[in-house]
Amino acid sequence: MGVTTNLTVPDIEEAKAFWSGVLGLSTEEMNLGWVARLTDPATGAHVQLVTRDATAPEDSAVTVKVDNVDEAWAQVQAAGIEVVHPLVTEEWGVRRFFVRAPGGTVVNIAQHHV
């Protein structure tokens, strides 16, 4: 399992200058134009910069990477947790869904699709 903070920014390139240049998250692992992940090559610390989610109705504050997204989906449904974005396989190779956690935080629960 992994957890990644998703930071909403108006402009990814402008935000990259700060996160990469000032804070050392210099490795761009992924950039889809609307979301980019920047990582510190020495420690693995990382953030995702998001301008606006490409398919979900709301932006998520955090991404939780799970080993079995279908199992997580079943657990969420059984628990009656509010679903913000249904379980889908996205064209960029991620299978995911969004839920609203207690307190209102939107969580992206995701697995890289094989």
PDB file of N, CA and C in Angstrom:
ATOM      1  N   MET A   1       0.851  -1.172   0.000  1.00  0.00           N
ATOM      2  CA  MET A   1       0.000   0.000   0.000  1.00  0.00           C
ATOM      3  C   MET A   1       0.897   1.235   0.000  1.00  0.00           C
ATOM      4  N   GLY A   2       0.451   2.246  -0.708  1.00  0.00           N
ATOM      5  CA  GLY A   2       1.159   3.513  -0.727  1.00  0.00           C
ATOM      6  C   GLY A   2       0.163   4.657  -0.635  1.00  0.00           C
ATOM      7  N   VAL A   3       0.604   5.781  -0.096  1.00  0.00           N
ATOM      8  CA  VAL A   3      -0.251   6.949   0.038  1.00  0.00           C
ATOM      9  C   VAL A   3       0.464   8.144  -0.584  1.00  0.00           C
ATOM     10  N   THR A   4      -0.254   8.879  -1.433  1.00  0.00           N
ATOM     11  CA  THR A   4       0.295  10.042  -2.115  1.00  0.00           C
ATOM     12  C   THR A   4      -0.609  11.240  -1.894  1.00  0.00           C
ATOM     13  N   THR A   5      -0.036  12.351  -1.485  1.00  0.00           N
ATOM     14  CA  THR A   5      -0.788  13.588  -1.341  1.00  0.00           C
ATOM     15  C   THR A   5      -1.039  14.193  -2.713  1.00  0.00           C
ATOM     16  N   ASN A   6      -2.273  14.611  -2.961  1.00  0.00           N
ATOM     17  CA  ASN A   6      -2.651  15.279  -4.205  1.00  0.00           C
ATOM     18  C   ASN A   6      -2.864  16.750  -3.900  1.00  0.00           C
ATOM     19  N   LEU A   7      -2.047  17.608  -4.490  1.00  0.00           N
ATOM     20  CA  LEU A   7      -2.139  19.042  -4.250  1.00  0.00           C
ATOM     21  C   LEU A   7      -2.778  19.721  -5.446  1.00  0.00           C
ATOM     22  N   THR A   8      -3.864  20.453  -5.206  1.00  0.00           N
ATOM     23  CA  THR A   8      -4.534  21.173  -6.286  1.00  0.00           C
ATOM     24  C   THR A   8      -3.738  22.437  -6.589  1.00  0.00           C
ATOM     25  N   VAL A   9      -3.372  22.591  -7.858  1.00  0.00           N
ATOM     26  CA  VAL A   9      -2.607  23.757  -8.306  1.00  0.00           C
ATOM     27  C   VAL A   9      -3.235  24.298  -9.591  1.00  0.00           C
ATOM     28  N   PRO A  10      -3.128  25.608  -9.822  1.00  0.00           N
ATOM     29  CA  PRO A  10      -3.688  26.154 -11.063  1.00  0.00           C
ATOM     30  C   PRO A  10      -2.829  25.851 -12.287  1.00  0.00           C
ATOM     31  N   ASP A  11      -1.512  25.661 -12.086  1.00  0.00           N
ATOM     32  CA  ASP A  11      -0.589  25.470 -13.201  1.00  0.00           C
ATOM     33  C   ASP A  11       0.511  24.498 -12.785  1.00  0.00           C
ATOM     34  N   ILE A  12       0.561  23.347 -13.428  1.00  0.00           N
ATOM     35  CA  ILE A  12       1.541  22.326 -13.039  1.00  0.00           C
ATOM     36  C   ILE A  12       2.974  22.796 -13.255  1.00  0.00           C
ATOM     37  N   GLU A  13       3.258  23.408 -14.382  1.00  0.00           N
ATOM     38  CA  GLU A  13       4.637  23.839 -14.662  1.00  0.00           C
ATOM     39  C   GLU A  13       5.126  24.854 -13.637  1.00  0.00           C
ATOM     40  N   GLU A  14       4.269  25.781 -13.273  1.00  0.00           N
ATOM     41  CA  GLU A  14       4.642  26.776 -12.260  1.00  0.00           C
ATOM     42  C   GLU A  14       4.887  26.098 -10.909  1.00  0.00           C
ATOM     43  N   ALA A  15       4.006  25.167 -10.536  1.00  0.00           N
ATOM     44  CA  ALA A  15       4.155  24.463  -9.260  1.00  0.00           C
ATOM     45  C   ALA A  15       5.403  23.578  -9.254  1.00  0.00           C
ATOM     46  N   LYS A  16       5.733  22.979 -10.397  1.00  0.00           N
ATOM     47  CA  LYS A  16       6.924  22.124 -10.484  1.00  0.00           C
ATOM     48  C   LYS A  16       8.182  22.895 -10.128  1.00  0.00           C
ATOM     49  N   ALA A  17       8.255  24.157 -10.508  1.00  0.00           N
ATOM     50  CA  ALA A  17       9.444  24.967 -10.204  1.00  0.00           C
ATOM     51  C   ALA A  17       9.689  25.031  -8.702  1.00  0.00           C
ATOM     52  N   PHE A  18       8.627  25.160  -7.934  1.00  0.00           N
ATOM     53  CA  PHE A  18       8.760  25.201  -6.479  1.00  0.00           C
ATOM     54  C   PHE A  18       9.093  23.822  -5.910  1.00  0.00           C
ATOM     55  N   TRP A  19       8.271  22.833  -6.213  1.00  0.00           N
ATOM     56  CA  TRP A  19       8.440  21.509  -5.626  1.00  0.00           C
ATOM     57  C   TRP A  19       9.729  20.823  -6.060  1.00  0.00           C
ATOM     58  N   SER A  20      10.144  21.053  -7.285  1.00  0.00           N
ATOM     59  CA  SER A  20      11.370  20.445  -7.791  1.00  0.00           C
ATOM     60  C   SER A  20      12.593  21.293  -7.444  1.00  0.00           C
ATOM     61  N   GLY A  21      12.527  22.566  -7.817  1.00  0.00           N
ATOM     62  CA  GLY A  21      13.682  23.438  -7.638  1.00  0.00           C
ATOM     63  C   GLY A  21      13.989  23.778  -6.200  1.00  0.00           C
ATOM     64  N   VAL A  22      12.967  24.068  -5.411  1.00  0.00           N
ATOM     65  CA  VAL A  22      13.175  24.495  -4.033  1.00  0.00           C
ATOM     66  C   VAL A  22      13.225  23.312  -3.063  1.00  0.00           C
ATOM     67  N   LEU A  23      12.360  22.329  -3.246  1.00  0.00           N
ATOM     68  CA  LEU A  23      12.255  21.238  -2.277  1.00  0.00           C
ATOM     69  C   LEU A  23      12.904  19.927  -2.715  1.00  0.00           C
ATOM     70  N   GLY A  24      13.443  19.875  -3.918  1.00  0.00           N
ATOM     71  CA  GLY A  24      14.225  18.720  -4.329  1.00  0.00           C
ATOM     72  C   GLY A  24      13.462  17.518  -4.847  1.00  0.00           C
ATOM     73  N   LEU A  25      12.170  17.662  -5.118  1.00  0.00           N
ATOM     74  CA  LEU A  25      11.424  16.554  -5.708  1.00  0.00           C
ATOM     75  C   LEU A  25      11.662  16.600  -7.221  1.00  0.00           C
ATOM     76  N   SER A  26      12.859  16.207  -7.605  1.00  0.00           N
ATOM     77  CA  SER A  26      13.360  16.498  -8.947  1.00  0.00           C
ATOM     78  C   SER A  26      13.043  15.463 -10.017  1.00  0.00           C
ATOM     79  N   THR A  27      12.553  14.293  -9.633  1.00  0.00           N
ATOM     80  CA  THR A  27      12.225  13.273 -10.626  1.00  0.00           C
ATOM     81  C   THR A  27      10.741  13.355 -10.967  1.00  0.00           C
ATOM     82  N   GLU A  28      10.453  13.615 -12.228  1.00  0.00           N
ATOM     83  CA  GLU A  28       9.064  13.618 -12.679  1.00  0.00           C
ATOM     84  C   GLU A  28       8.722  12.196 -13.113  1.00  0.00           C
ATOM     85  N   GLU A  29       7.984  11.501 -12.282  1.00  0.00           N
ATOM     86  CA  GLU A  29       7.632  10.104 -12.571  1.00  0.00           C
ATOM     87  C   GLU A  29       6.548   9.992 -13.622  1.00  0.00           C
ATOM     88  N   MET A  30       5.659  10.997 -13.642  1.00  0.00           N
ATOM     89  CA  MET A  30       4.515  10.934 -14.538  1.00  0.00           C
ATOM     90  C   MET A  30       3.992  12.344 -14.720  1.00  0.00           C
ATOM     91  N   ASN A  31       3.541  12.641 -15.942  1.00  0.00           N
ATOM     92  CA  ASN A  31       2.901  13.930 -16.209  1.00  0.00           C
ATOM     93  C   ASN A  31       1.900  13.715 -17.338  1.00  0.00           C
ATOM     94  N   LEU A  32       0.618  13.825 -16.997  1.00  0.00           N
ATOM     95  CA  LEU A  32      -0.443  13.647 -17.985  1.00  0.00           C
ATOM     96  C   LEU A  32      -1.032  14.992 -18.424  1.00  0.00           C
ATOM     97  N   GLY A  33      -0.383  16.070 -18.023  1.00  0.00           N
ATOM     98  CA  GLY A  33      -0.875  17.397 -18.375  1.00  0.00           C
ATOM     99  C   GLY A  33      -1.772  17.990 -17.313  1.00  0.00           C
ATOM    100  N   TRP A  34      -2.618  17.175 -16.725  1.00  0.00           N
ATOM    101  CA  TRP A  34      -3.510  17.619 -15.643  1.00  0.00           C
ATOM    102  C   TRP A  34      -3.065  17.098 -14.282  1.00  0.00           C
ATOM    103  N   VAL A  35      -2.156  16.131 -14.273  1.00  0.00           N
ATOM    104  CA  VAL A  35      -1.595  15.575 -13.042  1.00  0.00           C
ATOM    105  C   VAL A  35      -0.141  15.198 -13.294  1.00  0.00           C
ATOM    106  N   ALA A  36       0.717  15.513 -12.321  1.00  0.00           N
ATOM    107  CA  ALA A  36       2.132  15.145 -12.414  1.00  0.00           C
ATOM    108  C   ALA A  36       2.605  14.682 -11.042  1.00  0.00           C
ATOM    109  N   ARG A  37       3.457  13.650 -11.010  1.00  0.00           N
ATOM    110  CA  ARG A  37       4.040  13.175  -9.753  1.00  0.00           C
ATOM    111  C   ARG A  37       5.517  13.529  -9.735  1.00  0.00           C
ATOM    112  N   LEU A  38       5.932  14.215  -8.681  1.00  0.00           N
ATOM    113  CA  LEU A  38       7.323  14.599  -8.482  1.00  0.00           C
ATOM    114  C   LEU A  38       7.867  13.873  -7.265  1.00  0.00           C
ATOM    115  N   THR A  39       9.086  13.334  -7.407  1.00  0.00           N
ATOM    116  CA  THR A  39       9.659  12.475  -6.368  1.00  0.00           C
ATOM    117  C   THR A  39      11.093  12.871  -6.070  1.00  0.00           C
ATOM    118  N   ASP A  40      11.479  12.744  -4.805  1.00  0.00           N
ATOM    119  CA  ASP A  40      12.873  12.915  -4.406  1.00  0.00           C
ATOM    120  C   ASP A  40      13.577  11.600  -4.734  1.00  0.00           C
ATOM    121  N   PRO A  41      14.596  11.631  -5.606  1.00  0.00           N
ATOM    122  CA  PRO A  41      15.239  10.379  -6.025  1.00  0.00           C
ATOM    123  C   PRO A  41      15.947   9.651  -4.888  1.00  0.00           C
ATOM    124  N   ALA A  42      16.362  10.367  -3.857  1.00  0.00           N
ATOM    125  CA  ALA A  42      17.088   9.727  -2.755  1.00  0.00           C
ATOM    126  C   ALA A  42      16.156   9.081  -1.735  1.00  0.00           C
ATOM    127  N   THR A  43      15.032   9.726  -1.443  1.00  0.00           N
ATOM    128  CA  THR A  43      14.170   9.240  -0.362  1.00  0.00           C
ATOM    129  C   THR A  43      12.874   8.601  -0.837  1.00  0.00           C
ATOM    130  N   GLY A  44      12.454   8.920  -2.058  1.00  0.00           N
ATOM    131  CA  GLY A  44      11.173   8.437  -2.551  1.00  0.00           C
ATOM    132  C   GLY A  44       9.994   9.295  -2.122  1.00  0.00           C
ATOM    133  N   ALA A  45      10.231  10.344  -1.329  1.00  0.00           N
ATOM    134  CA  ALA A  45       9.155  11.254  -0.938  1.00  0.00           C
ATOM    135  C   ALA A  45       8.571  11.867  -2.206  1.00  0.00           C
ATOM    136  N   HIS A  46       7.246  12.043  -2.241  1.00  0.00           N
ATOM    137  CA  HIS A  46       6.633  12.526  -3.472  1.00  0.00           C
ATOM    138  C   HIS A  46       5.311  13.244  -3.214  1.00  0.00           C
ATOM    139  N   VAL A  47       4.904  14.024  -4.206  1.00  0.00           N
ATOM    140  CA  VAL A  47       3.593  14.671  -4.229  1.00  0.00           C
ATOM    141  C   VAL A  47       3.046  14.554  -5.643  1.00  0.00           C
ATOM    142  N   GLN A  48       1.728  14.650  -5.750  1.00  0.00           N
ATOM    143  CA  GLN A  48       1.102  14.758  -7.057  1.00  0.00           C
ATOM    144  C   GLN A  48       0.478  16.132  -7.153  1.00  0.00           C
ATOM    145  N   LEU A  49       0.733  16.792  -8.266  1.00  0.00           N
ATOM    146  CA  LEU A  49       0.169  18.106  -8.550  1.00  0.00           C
ATOM    147  C   LEU A  49      -0.998  17.893  -9.507  1.00  0.00           C
ATOM    148  N   VAL A  50      -2.164  18.433  -9.162  1.00  0.00           N
ATOM    149  CA  VAL A  50      -3.375  18.190  -9.943  1.00  0.00           C
ATOM    150  C   VAL A  50      -4.057  19.523 -10.253  1.00  0.00           C
ATOM    151  N   THR A  51      -4.309  19.762 -11.550  1.00  0.00           N
ATOM    152  CA  THR A  51      -5.053  20.973 -11.906  1.00  0.00           C
ATOM    153  C   THR A  51      -6.549  20.729 -11.830  1.00  0.00           C
ATOM    154  N   ARG A  52      -6.999  19.595 -12.322  1.00  0.00           N
ATOM    155  CA  ARG A  52      -8.409  19.192 -12.294  1.00  0.00           C
ATOM    156  C   ARG A  52      -8.448  17.764 -12.780  1.00  0.00           C
ATOM    157  N   ASP A  53      -9.077  16.876 -11.998  1.00  0.00           N
ATOM    158  CA  ASP A  53      -9.122  15.476 -12.384  1.00  0.00           C
ATOM    159  C   ASP A  53      -9.768  15.332 -13.761  1.00  0.00           C
ATOM    160  N   ALA A  54      -9.218  14.454 -14.567  1.00  0.00           N
ATOM    161  CA  ALA A  54      -9.665  14.302 -15.952  1.00  0.00           C
ATOM    162  C   ALA A  54     -11.040  13.655 -16.083  1.00  0.00           C
ATOM    163  N   THR A  55     -11.434  12.797 -15.132  1.00  0.00           N
ATOM    164  CA  THR A  55     -12.707  12.084 -15.294  1.00  0.00           C
ATOM    165  C   THR A  55     -13.626  12.150 -14.083  1.00  0.00           C
ATOM    166  N   ALA A  56     -13.107  12.455 -12.915  1.00  0.00           N
ATOM    167  CA  ALA A  56     -13.927  12.452 -11.702  1.00  0.00           C
ATOM    168  C   ALA A  56     -14.608  13.809 -11.501  1.00  0.00           C
ATOM    169  N   PRO A  57     -15.774  13.807 -10.841  1.00  0.00           N
ATOM    170  CA  PRO A  57     -16.496  15.050 -10.633  1.00  0.00           C
ATOM    171  C   PRO A  57     -15.873  15.961  -9.573  1.00  0.00           C
ATOM    172  N   GLU A  58     -15.000  15.402  -8.728  1.00  0.00           N
ATOM    173  CA  GLU A  58     -14.307  16.171  -7.697  1.00  0.00           C
ATOM    174  C   GLU A  58     -12.849  15.758  -7.698  1.00  0.00           C
ATOM    175  N   ASP A  59     -11.997  16.663  -7.214  1.00  0.00           N
ATOM    176  CA  ASP A  59     -10.586  16.323  -7.054  1.00  0.00           C
ATOM    177  C   ASP A  59     -10.398  15.595  -5.728  1.00  0.00           C
ATOM    178  N   SER A  60      -9.439  14.695  -5.683  1.00  0.00           N
ATOM    179  CA  SER A  60      -9.141  13.982  -4.444  1.00  0.00           C
ATOM    180  C   SER A  60      -7.983  14.665  -3.729  1.00  0.00           C
ATOM    181  N   ALA A  61      -7.987  14.559  -2.409  1.00  0.00           N
ATOM    182  CA  ALA A  61      -6.911  15.143  -1.606  1.00  0.00           C
ATOM    183  C   ALA A  61      -5.758  14.172  -1.432  1.00  0.00           C
ATOM    184  N   VAL A  62      -6.049  12.886  -1.578  1.00  0.00           N
ATOM    185  CA  VAL A  62      -5.035  11.863  -1.341  1.00  0.00           C
ATOM    186  C   VAL A  62      -5.363  10.650  -2.215  1.00  0.00           C
ATOM    187  N   THR A  63      -4.311   9.961  -2.645  1.00  0.00           N
ATOM    188  CA  THR A  63      -4.458   8.705  -3.374  1.00  0.00           C
ATOM    189  C   THR A  63      -3.905   7.588  -2.509  1.00  0.00           C
ATOM    190  N   VAL A  64      -4.699   6.548  -2.327  1.00  0.00           N
ATOM    191  CA  VAL A  64      -4.251   5.359  -1.607  1.00  0.00           C
ATOM    192  C   VAL A  64      -4.144   4.248  -2.630  1.00  0.00           C
ATOM    193  N   LYS A  65      -2.933   3.740  -2.812  1.00  0.00           N
ATOM    194  CA  LYS A  65      -2.695   2.658  -3.763  1.00  0.00           C
ATOM    195  C   LYS A  65      -2.868   1.335  -3.030  1.00  0.00           C
ATOM    196  N   VAL A  66      -3.738   0.487  -3.565  1.00  0.00           N
ATOM    197  CA  VAL A  66      -4.029  -0.805  -2.941  1.00  0.00           C
ATOM    198  C   VAL A  66      -3.619  -1.940  -3.868  1.00  0.00           C
ATOM    199  N   ASP A  67      -3.488  -3.135  -3.289  1.00  0.00           N
ATOM    200  CA  ASP A  67      -3.115  -4.309  -4.077  1.00  0.00           C
ATOM    201  C   ASP A  67      -4.299  -4.901  -4.828  1.00  0.00           C
ATOM    202  N   ASN A  68      -5.528  -4.692  -4.287  1.00  0.00           N
ATOM    203  CA  ASN A  68      -6.709  -5.266  -4.913  1.00  0.00           C
ATOM    204  C   ASN A  68      -7.855  -4.261  -4.840  1.00  0.00           C
ATOM    205  N   VAL A  69      -8.000  -3.459  -5.882  1.00  0.00           N
ATOM    206  CA  VAL A  69      -9.009  -2.399  -5.881  1.00  0.00           C
ATOM    207  C   VAL A  69     -10.424  -2.972  -5.896  1.00  0.00           C
ATOM    208  N   ASP A  70     -10.623  -4.135  -6.497  1.00  0.00           N
ATOM    209  CA  ASP A  70     -11.953  -4.741  -6.502  1.00  0.00           C
ATOM    210  C   ASP A  70     -12.380  -5.144  -5.083  1.00  0.00           C
ATOM    211  N   GLU A  71     -11.449  -5.654  -4.312  1.00  0.00           N
ATOM    212  CA  GLU A  71     -11.727  -5.999  -2.919  1.00  0.00           C
ATOM    213  C   GLU A  71     -12.035  -4.735  -2.106  1.00  0.00           C
ATOM    214  N   ALA A  72     -11.264  -3.682  -2.317  1.00  0.00           N
ATOM    215  CA  ALA A  72     -11.512  -2.415  -1.620  1.00  0.00           C
ATOM    216  C   ALA A  72     -12.888  -1.867  -1.997  1.00  0.00           C
ATOM    217  N   TRP A  73     -13.247  -1.967  -3.271  1.00  0.00           N
ATOM    218  CA  TRP A  73     -14.558  -1.521  -3.755  1.00  0.00           C
ATOM    219  C   TRP A  73     -15.677  -2.283  -3.032  1.00  0.00           C
ATOM    220  N   ALA A  74     -15.534  -3.594  -2.915  1.00  0.00           N
ATOM    221  CA  ALA A  74     -16.537  -4.410  -2.230  1.00  0.00           C
ATOM    222  C   ALA A  74     -16.662  -4.005  -0.759  1.00  0.00           C
ATOM    223  N   GLN A  75     -15.542  -3.728  -0.114  1.00  0.00           N
ATOM    224  CA  GLN A  75     -15.563  -3.310   1.290  1.00  0.00           C
ATOM    225  C   GLN A  75     -16.262  -1.962   1.453  1.00  0.00           C
ATOM    226  N   VAL A  76     -16.000  -1.033   0.554  1.00  0.00           N
ATOM    227  CA  VAL A  76     -16.638   0.284   0.596  1.00  0.00           C
ATOM    228  C   VAL A  76     -18.142   0.153   0.414  1.00  0.00           C
ATOM    229  N   GLN A  77     -18.547  -0.647  -0.547  1.00  0.00           N
ATOM    230  CA  GLN A  77     -19.979  -0.832  -0.789  1.00  0.00           C
ATOM    231  C   GLN A  77     -20.665  -1.495   0.409  1.00  0.00           C
ATOM    232  N   ALA A  78     -20.032  -2.504   0.989  1.00  0.00           N
ATOM    233  CA  ALA A  78     -20.607  -3.193   2.143  1.00  0.00           C
ATOM    234  C   ALA A  78     -20.732  -2.263   3.348  1.00  0.00           C
ATOM    235  N   ALA A  79     -19.794  -1.318   3.474  1.00  0.00           N
ATOM    236  CA  ALA A  79     -19.801  -0.396   4.606  1.00  0.00           C
ATOM    237  C   ALA A  79     -20.727   0.799   4.380  1.00  0.00           C
ATOM    238  N   GLY A  80     -21.235   0.962   3.168  1.00  0.00           N
ATOM    239  CA  GLY A  80     -22.133   2.079   2.884  1.00  0.00           C
ATOM    240  C   GLY A  80     -21.440   3.425   2.821  1.00  0.00           C
ATOM    241  N   ILE A  81     -20.181   3.442   2.482  1.00  0.00           N
ATOM    242  CA  ILE A  81     -19.406   4.688   2.379  1.00  0.00           C
ATOM    243  C   ILE A  81     -19.801   5.424   1.108  1.00  0.00           C
ATOM    244  N   GLU A  82     -19.871   6.743   1.185  1.00  0.00           N
ATOM    245  CA  GLU A  82     -20.263   7.553   0.030  1.00  0.00           C
ATOM    246  C   GLU A  82     -19.241   7.433  -1.097  1.00  0.00           C
ATOM    247  N   VAL A  83     -19.710   7.067  -2.265  1.00  0.00           N
ATOM    248  CA  VAL A  83     -18.869   6.971  -3.455  1.00  0.00           C
ATOM    249  C   VAL A  83     -18.993   8.285  -4.224  1.00  0.00           C
ATOM    250  N   VAL A  84     -17.868   8.894  -4.528  1.00  0.00           N
ATOM    251  CA  VAL A  84     -17.825  10.149  -5.270  1.00  0.00           C
ATOM    252  C   VAL A  84     -17.628   9.890  -6.763  1.00  0.00           C
ATOM    253  N   HIS A  85     -16.864   8.850  -7.087  1.00  0.00           N
ATOM    254  CA  HIS A  85     -16.550   8.473  -8.476  1.00  0.00           C
ATOM    255  C   HIS A  85     -16.536   6.944  -8.512  1.00  0.00           C
ATOM    256  N   PRO A  86     -17.308   6.308  -9.389  1.00  0.00           N
ATOM    257  CA  PRO A  86     -17.418   4.846  -9.382  1.00  0.00           C
ATOM    258  C   PRO A  86     -16.135   4.151  -9.824  1.00  0.00           C
ATOM    259  N   LEU A  87     -16.071   2.876  -9.561  1.00  0.00           N
ATOM    260  CA  LEU A  87     -14.933   2.048  -9.971  1.00  0.00           C
ATOM    261  C   LEU A  87     -14.855   2.000 -11.490  1.00  0.00           C
ATOM    262  N   VAL A  88     -13.717   2.448 -12.023  1.00  0.00           N
ATOM    263  CA  VAL A  88     -13.485   2.453 -13.468  1.00  0.00           C
ATOM    264  C   VAL A  88     -12.026   2.121 -13.750  1.00  0.00           C
ATOM    265  N   THR A  89     -11.785   1.648 -14.963  1.00  0.00           N
ATOM    266  CA  THR A  89     -10.414   1.501 -15.448  1.00  0.00           C
ATOM    267  C   THR A  89     -10.174   2.666 -16.391  1.00  0.00           C
ATOM    268  N   GLU A  90      -9.239   3.528 -16.007  1.00  0.00           N
ATOM    269  CA  GLU A  90      -8.954   4.737 -16.777  1.00  0.00           C
ATOM    270  C   GLU A  90      -8.034   4.416 -17.950  1.00  0.00           C
ATOM    271  N   GLU A  91      -8.113   5.226 -18.985  1.00  0.00           N
ATOM    272  CA  GLU A  91      -7.313   4.986 -20.197  1.00  0.00           C
ATOM    273  C   GLU A  91      -5.816   5.083 -19.941  1.00  0.00           C
ATOM    274  N   TRP A  92      -5.389   5.714 -18.849  1.00  0.00           N
ATOM    275  CA  TRP A  92      -3.961   5.839 -18.545  1.00  0.00           C
ATOM    276  C   TRP A  92      -3.456   4.685 -17.674  1.00  0.00           C
ATOM    277  N   GLY A  93      -4.269   3.620 -17.524  1.00  0.00           N
ATOM    278  CA  GLY A  93      -3.787   2.392 -16.908  1.00  0.00           C
ATOM    279  C   GLY A  93      -4.005   2.261 -15.414  1.00  0.00           C
ATOM    280  N   VAL A  94      -4.923   3.021 -14.850  1.00  0.00           N
ATOM    281  CA  VAL A  94      -5.221   2.932 -13.425  1.00  0.00           C
ATOM    282  C   VAL A  94      -6.672   2.514 -13.256  1.00  0.00           C
ATOM    283  N   ARG A  95      -6.902   1.589 -12.360  1.00  0.00           N
ATOM    284  CA  ARG A  95      -8.267   1.202 -11.983  1.00  0.00           C
ATOM    285  C   ARG A  95      -8.513   1.855 -10.633  1.00  0.00           C
ATOM    286  N   ARG A  96      -9.614   2.648 -10.518  1.00  0.00           N
ATOM    287  CA  ARG A  96      -9.772   3.465  -9.321  1.00  0.00           C
ATOM    288  C   ARG A  96     -11.227   3.831  -9.059  1.00  0.00           C
ATOM    289  N   PHE A  97     -11.457   4.328  -7.840  1.00  0.00           N
ATOM    290  CA  PHE A  97     -12.717   4.943  -7.458  1.00  0.00           C
ATOM    291  C   PHE A  97     -12.431   5.963  -6.358  1.00  0.00           C
ATOM    292  N   PHE A  98     -13.359   6.887  -6.164  1.00  0.00           N
ATOM    293  CA  PHE A  98     -13.217   7.911  -5.133  1.00  0.00           C
ATOM    294  C   PHE A  98     -14.303   7.719  -4.094  1.00  0.00           C
ATOM    295  N   VAL A  99     -13.960   7.944  -2.824  1.00  0.00           N
ATOM    296  CA  VAL A  99     -14.929   7.940  -1.731  1.00  0.00           C
ATOM    297  C   VAL A  99     -14.756   9.213  -0.912  1.00  0.00           C
ATOM    298  N   ARG A 100     -15.789   9.519  -0.132  1.00  0.00           N
ATOM    299  CA  ARG A 100     -15.695  10.638   0.799  1.00  0.00           C
ATOM    300  C   ARG A 100     -15.500  10.047   2.198  1.00  0.00           C
ATOM    301  N   ALA A 101     -14.354  10.338   2.800  1.00  0.00           N
ATOM    302  CA  ALA A 101     -14.035   9.853   4.142  1.00  0.00           C
ATOM    303  C   ALA A 101     -14.771  10.698   5.186  1.00  0.00           C
ATOM    304  N   PRO A 102     -14.907  10.187   6.399  1.00  0.00           N
ATOM    305  CA  PRO A 102     -15.482  11.013   7.461  1.00  0.00           C
ATOM    306  C   PRO A 102     -14.714  12.338   7.563  1.00  0.00           C
ATOM    307  N   GLY A 103     -15.437  13.425   7.665  1.00  0.00           N
ATOM    308  CA  GLY A 103     -14.812  14.744   7.677  1.00  0.00           C
ATOM    309  C   GLY A 103     -14.824  15.405   6.315  1.00  0.00           C
ATOM    310  N   GLY A 104     -15.148  14.629   5.272  1.00  0.00           N
ATOM    311  CA  GLY A 104     -15.313  15.208   3.949  1.00  0.00           C
ATOM    312  C   GLY A 104     -14.167  15.048   2.967  1.00  0.00           C
ATOM    313  N   THR A 105     -13.031  14.517   3.380  1.00  0.00           N
ATOM    314  CA  THR A 105     -11.890  14.361   2.482  1.00  0.00           C
ATOM    315  C   THR A 105     -12.208  13.368   1.375  1.00  0.00           C
ATOM    316  N   VAL A 106     -11.938  13.762   0.121  1.00  0.00           N
ATOM    317  CA  VAL A 106     -12.148  12.864  -1.015  1.00  0.00           C
ATOM    318  C   VAL A 106     -10.872  12.043  -1.214  1.00  0.00           C
ATOM    319  N   VAL A 107     -11.042  10.713  -1.216  1.00  0.00           N
ATOM    320  CA  VAL A 107      -9.920   9.780  -1.318  1.00  0.00           C
ATOM    321  C   VAL A 107     -10.020   8.991  -2.615  1.00  0.00           C
ATOM    322  N   ASN A 108      -8.947   8.981  -3.372  1.00  0.00           N
ATOM    323  CA  ASN A 108      -8.817   8.203  -4.606  1.00  0.00           C
ATOM    324  C   ASN A 108      -8.203   6.869  -4.211  1.00  0.00           C
ATOM    325  N   ILE A 109      -8.938   5.775  -4.392  1.00  0.00           N
ATOM    326  CA  ILE A 109      -8.428   4.444  -4.076  1.00  0.00           C
ATOM    327  C   ILE A 109      -8.101   3.781  -5.420  1.00  0.00           C
ATOM    328  N   ALA A 110      -6.825   3.433  -5.623  1.00  0.00           N
ATOM    329  CA  ALA A 110      -6.364   3.068  -6.954  1.00  0.00           C
ATOM    330  C   ALA A 110      -5.435   1.864  -6.960  1.00  0.00           C
ATOM    331  N   GLN A 111      -5.426   1.217  -8.123  1.00  0.00           N
ATOM    332  CA  GLN A 111      -4.489   0.119  -8.396  1.00  0.00           C
ATOM    333  C   GLN A 111      -4.045   0.273  -9.847  1.00  0.00           C
ATOM    334  N   HIS A 112      -2.751   0.104 -10.089  1.00  0.00           N
ATOM    335  CA  HIS A 112      -2.272   0.117 -11.474  1.00  0.00           C
ATOM    336  C   HIS A 112      -2.855  -1.107 -12.169  1.00  0.00           C
ATOM    337  N   HIS A 113      -3.506  -0.889 -13.293  1.00  0.00           N
ATOM    338  CA  HIS A 113      -4.146  -1.963 -14.042  1.00  0.00           C
ATOM    339  C   HIS A 113      -3.082  -2.728 -14.816  1.00  0.00           C
ATOM    340  N   VAL A 114      -3.190  -4.033 -14.799  1.00  0.00           N
ATOM    341  CA  VAL A 114      -2.199  -4.877 -15.469  1.00  0.00           C
ATOM    342  C   VAL A 114      -2.683  -5.253 -16.841  1.00  0.00           C
TER     343      VAL A 114
END
